[in-house]
C-alpha atoms as a PDB file:
ATOM      1  CA  MET A   1       6.309   7.325  -2.976  1.00  0.00           C
ATOM      2  CA  THR A   2       4.033   4.315  -2.967  1.00  0.00           C
ATOM      3  CA  PHE A   3       4.626   3.836  -6.720  1.00  0.00           C
ATOM      4  CA  ALA A   4       8.371   3.738  -6.236  1.00  0.00           C
ATOM      5  CA  LEU A   5       8.166   1.384  -3.393  1.00  0.00           C
ATOM      6  CA  THR A   6       5.614  -0.905  -5.116  1.00  0.00           C
ATOM      7  CA  ALA A   7       7.725  -0.794  -8.301  1.00  0.00           C
ATOM      8  CA  ALA A   8      10.908  -1.638  -6.474  1.00  0.00           C
ATOM      9  CA  ASN A   9       9.366  -4.482  -4.570  1.00  0.00           C
ATOM     10  CA  THR A  10       7.775  -5.962  -7.696  1.00  0.00           C
ATOM     11  CA  THR A  11      11.013  -5.672  -9.526  1.00  0.00           C
ATOM     12  CA  GLY A  12      12.778  -7.371  -6.910  1.00  0.00           C
ATOM     13  CA  ALA A  13      10.228 -10.058  -6.809  1.00  0.00           C
ATOM     14  CA  ALA A  14      10.573 -10.602 -10.489  1.00  0.00           C
ATOM     15  CA  LEU A  15      14.419 -10.802 -10.140  1.00  0.00           C
ATOM     16  CA  GLY A  16      14.044 -13.167  -7.129  1.00  0.00           C
ATOM     17  CA  SER A  17      16.192 -10.905  -4.918  1.00  0.00           C
ATOM     18  CA  ASN A  18      13.888  -9.950  -2.224  1.00  0.00           C
ATOM     19  CA  GLY A  19      12.234 -13.407  -1.259  1.00  0.00           C
ATOM     20  CA  VAL A  20       8.778 -12.153  -2.154  1.00  0.00           C
ATOM     21  CA  PRO A  21       6.833 -14.813  -4.350  1.00  0.00           C
ATOM     22  CA  PHE A  22       6.322 -13.181  -7.809  1.00  0.00           C
ATOM     23  CA  THR A  23       3.036 -13.176  -9.657  1.00  0.00           C
ATOM     24  CA  PRO A  24       2.425 -11.175 -12.849  1.00  0.00           C
ATOM     25  CA  TRP A  25      -0.469  -9.592 -11.213  1.00  0.00           C
ATOM     26  CA  MET A  26       1.940  -7.667  -9.067  1.00  0.00           C
ATOM     27  CA  TRP A  27       2.563  -5.421 -12.116  1.00  0.00           C
ATOM     28  CA  LEU A  28      -1.274  -4.436 -12.109  1.00  0.00           C
ATOM     29  CA  ASP A  29      -0.619  -3.178  -8.505  1.00  0.00           C
ATOM     30  CA  VAL A  30       2.268  -0.953  -9.844  1.00  0.00           C
ATOM     31  CA  GLY A  31       0.148   0.389 -12.745  1.00  0.00           C
ATOM     32  CA  ILE A  32      -2.766   1.386 -10.239  1.00  0.00           C
ATOM     33  CA  CYS A  33      -0.451   3.084  -8.032  1.00  0.00           C
ATOM     34  CA  GLY A  34       1.243   4.678 -10.806  1.00  0.00           C
ATOM     35  CA  VAL A  35      -2.304   6.048 -12.314  1.00  0.00           C
ATOM     36  CA  LEU A  36      -3.292   7.300  -8.793  1.00  0.00           C
ATOM     37  CA  ALA A  37       0.031   8.828  -8.234  1.00  0.00           C
ATOM     38  CA  TRP A  38      -0.259  10.864 -11.539  1.00  0.00           C
ATOM     39  CA  GLY A  39      -3.671  11.785 -10.264  1.00  0.00           C
ATOM     40  CA  ILE A  40      -2.472  13.133  -7.068  1.00  0.00           C
ATOM     41  CA  TYR A  41       0.240  15.001  -8.801  1.00  0.00           C
ATOM     42  CA  ARG A  42      -2.593  16.715 -10.907  1.00  0.00           C
ATOM     43  CA  ARG A  43      -4.329  17.501  -7.426  1.00  0.00           C
ATOM     44  CA  SER A  44      -7.357  15.269  -8.004  1.00  0.00           C
ATOM     45  CA  ARG A  45      -9.472  14.835  -4.950  1.00  0.00           C
ATOM     46  CA  ILE A  46     -10.692  11.536  -6.460  1.00  0.00           C
ATOM     47  CA  ALA A  47      -7.145  10.069  -6.923  1.00  0.00           C
ATOM     48  CA  ALA A  48      -6.105  11.181  -3.335  1.00  0.00           C
ATOM     49  CA  ALA A  49      -9.231   9.407  -1.763  1.00  0.00           C
ATOM     50  CA  LEU A  50      -8.823   6.308  -3.974  1.00  0.00           C
ATOM     51  CA  MET A  51      -5.016   5.910  -2.973  1.00  0.00           C
ATOM     52  CA  PHE A  52      -5.931   6.224   0.740  1.00  0.00           C
ATOM     53  CA  VAL A  53      -8.617   3.559   0.278  1.00  0.00           C
ATOM     54  CA  TYR A  54      -6.479   1.373  -1.935  1.00  0.00           C
ATOM     55  CA  PHE A  55      -3.472   1.477   0.273  1.00  0.00           C
ATOM     56  CA  THR A  56      -5.362   0.737   3.530  1.00  0.00           C
ATOM     57  CA  ALA A  57      -7.512  -1.951   1.867  1.00  0.00           C
ATOM     58  CA  ALA A  58      -4.348  -3.770   0.168  1.00  0.00           C
ATOM     59  CA  LYS A  59      -2.668  -3.916   3.704  1.00  0.00           C
ATOM     60  CA  ALA A  60      -5.809  -5.050   5.411  1.00  0.00           C
ATOM     61  CA  LEU A  61      -6.381  -7.743   2.742  1.00  0.00           C
ATOM     62  CA  TRP A  62      -2.721  -8.857   3.067  1.00  0.00           C
ATOM     63  CA  VAL A  63      -2.951  -9.437   6.717  1.00  0.00           C
ATOM     64  CA  TRP A  64      -6.219 -11.004   6.396  1.00  0.00           C
ATOM     65  CA  ASN A  65      -4.778 -13.520   3.774  1.00  0.00           C
ATOM     66  CA  ASP A  66      -1.536 -14.134   5.898  1.00  0.00           C
ATOM     67  CA  LEU A  67      -3.758 -14.962   8.934  1.00  0.00           C
ATOM     68  CA  GLU A  68      -6.103 -17.194   7.108  1.00  0.00           C
ATOM     69  CA  MET A  69      -2.986 -19.436   6.421  1.00  0.00           C
ATOM     70  CA  ARG A  70      -2.354 -19.973  10.069  1.00  0.00           C
ATOM     71  CA  ASP A  71      -3.896 -22.696  12.039  1.00  0.00           C
ATOM     72  CA  GLU A  72      -5.118 -20.777  15.064  1.00  0.00           C
ATOM     73  CA  PRO A  73      -4.172 -16.978  14.808  1.00  0.00           C
ATOM     74  CA  GLY A  74      -3.676 -14.832  17.979  1.00  0.00           C
ATOM     75  CA  TRP A  75      -2.811 -11.310  18.665  1.00  0.00           C
ATOM     76  CA  SER A  76       0.915 -11.928  18.375  1.00  0.00           C
ATOM     77  CA  ASP A  77       0.351 -13.698  14.869  1.00  0.00           C
ATOM     78  CA  PHE A  78      -1.841 -10.608  13.943  1.00  0.00           C
ATOM     79  CA  LEU A  79       1.079  -8.246  14.927  1.00  0.00           C
ATOM     80  CA  ASP A  80       3.699 -10.371  13.144  1.00  0.00           C
ATOM     81  CA  SER A  81       1.537 -10.427  10.055  1.00  0.00           C
ATOM     82  CA  LEU A  82       0.884  -6.884  10.090  1.00  0.00           C
ATOM     83  CA  ASP A  83       4.587  -6.035  10.440  1.00  0.00           C
ATOM     84  CA  SER A  84       5.844  -8.378   7.701  1.00  0.00           C
ATOM     85  CA  CYS A  85       3.263  -7.355   5.061  1.00  0.00           C
ATOM     86  CA  THR A  86       4.086  -3.845   5.023  1.00  0.00           C
ATOM     87  CA  SER A  87       7.070  -2.405   3.267  1.00  0.00           C
ATOM     88  CA  GLY A  88       9.423  -1.062   6.042  1.00  0.00           C
ATOM     89  CA  GLY A  89       7.151  -2.479   8.720  1.00  0.00           C
ATOM     90  CA  LEU A  90       4.305  -1.415  10.729  1.00  0.00           C
ATOM     91  CA  LEU A  91       5.790   2.136  11.383  1.00  0.00           C
ATOM     92  CA  MET A  92       6.092   2.817   7.584  1.00  0.00           C
ATOM     93  CA  ALA A  93       2.511   1.787   7.030  1.00  0.00           C
ATOM     94  CA  ALA A  94       1.240   3.967   9.650  1.00  0.00           C
ATOM     95  CA  VAL A  95       3.349   6.958   8.353  1.00  0.00           C
ATOM     96  CA  LEU A  96       1.999   6.430   4.799  1.00  0.00           C
ATOM     97  CA  VAL A  97      -1.748   6.198   5.984  1.00  0.00           C
ATOM     98  CA  VAL A  98      -1.325   9.423   7.803  1.00  0.00           C
ATOM     99  CA  VAL A  99       0.359  11.075   4.649  1.00  0.00           C
ATOM    100  CA  TYR A 100      -2.457   9.968   2.507  1.00  0.00           C
ATOM    101  CA  ALA A 101      -5.019  10.935   4.861  1.00  0.00           C
ATOM    102  CA  LEU A 102      -3.248  14.314   4.913  1.00  0.00           C
ATOM    103  CA  GLY A 103      -3.180  14.311   1.018  1.00  0.00           C
ATOM    104  CA  VAL A 104      -6.882  13.883   0.927  1.00  0.00           C
ATOM    105  CA  TYR A 105      -7.293  16.809   3.234  1.00  0.00           C
ATOM    106  CA  GLY A 106      -4.862  19.022   1.258  1.00  0.00           C
ATOM    107  CA  THR A 107      -6.541  18.195  -2.031  1.00  0.00           C
ATOM    108  CA  VAL A 108      -9.883  19.068  -0.768  1.00  0.00           C
ATOM    109  CA  ALA A 109      -8.650  22.308   0.782  1.00  0.00           C
ATOM    110  CA  HIS A 110      -6.784  23.160  -2.357  1.00  0.00           C
ATOM    111  CA  HIS A 111     -10.005  22.968  -4.350  1.00  0.00           C
ATOM    112  CA  ARG A 112     -12.034  25.029  -1.780  1.00  0.00           C
ATOM    113  CA  ARG A 113      -9.873  28.179  -2.477  1.00  0.00           C
END
């Protein structure tokens, strides 16, 4: 799911249709998500854990960079930044964090059997 969202967002940025400034490094993000998605499909515990860490770190860094560009960031700026940096908003990011955490739990439980 993250691979599809990342690829769609990057393609939209490359075409100039979604208002996101495009850099070629965005394709690296698509590649990383694709490799980790393939690892999750193969039920890799490491890939599941890395996707969880990668997703949460990417969102945290995006918010951090957005707040660094503001003069005097406050709580309302933090919430605005968090909501704007995530595809689909804060609710979608929270759902994906929970899904990835459950994915890590599921792959570990699968390998215990």
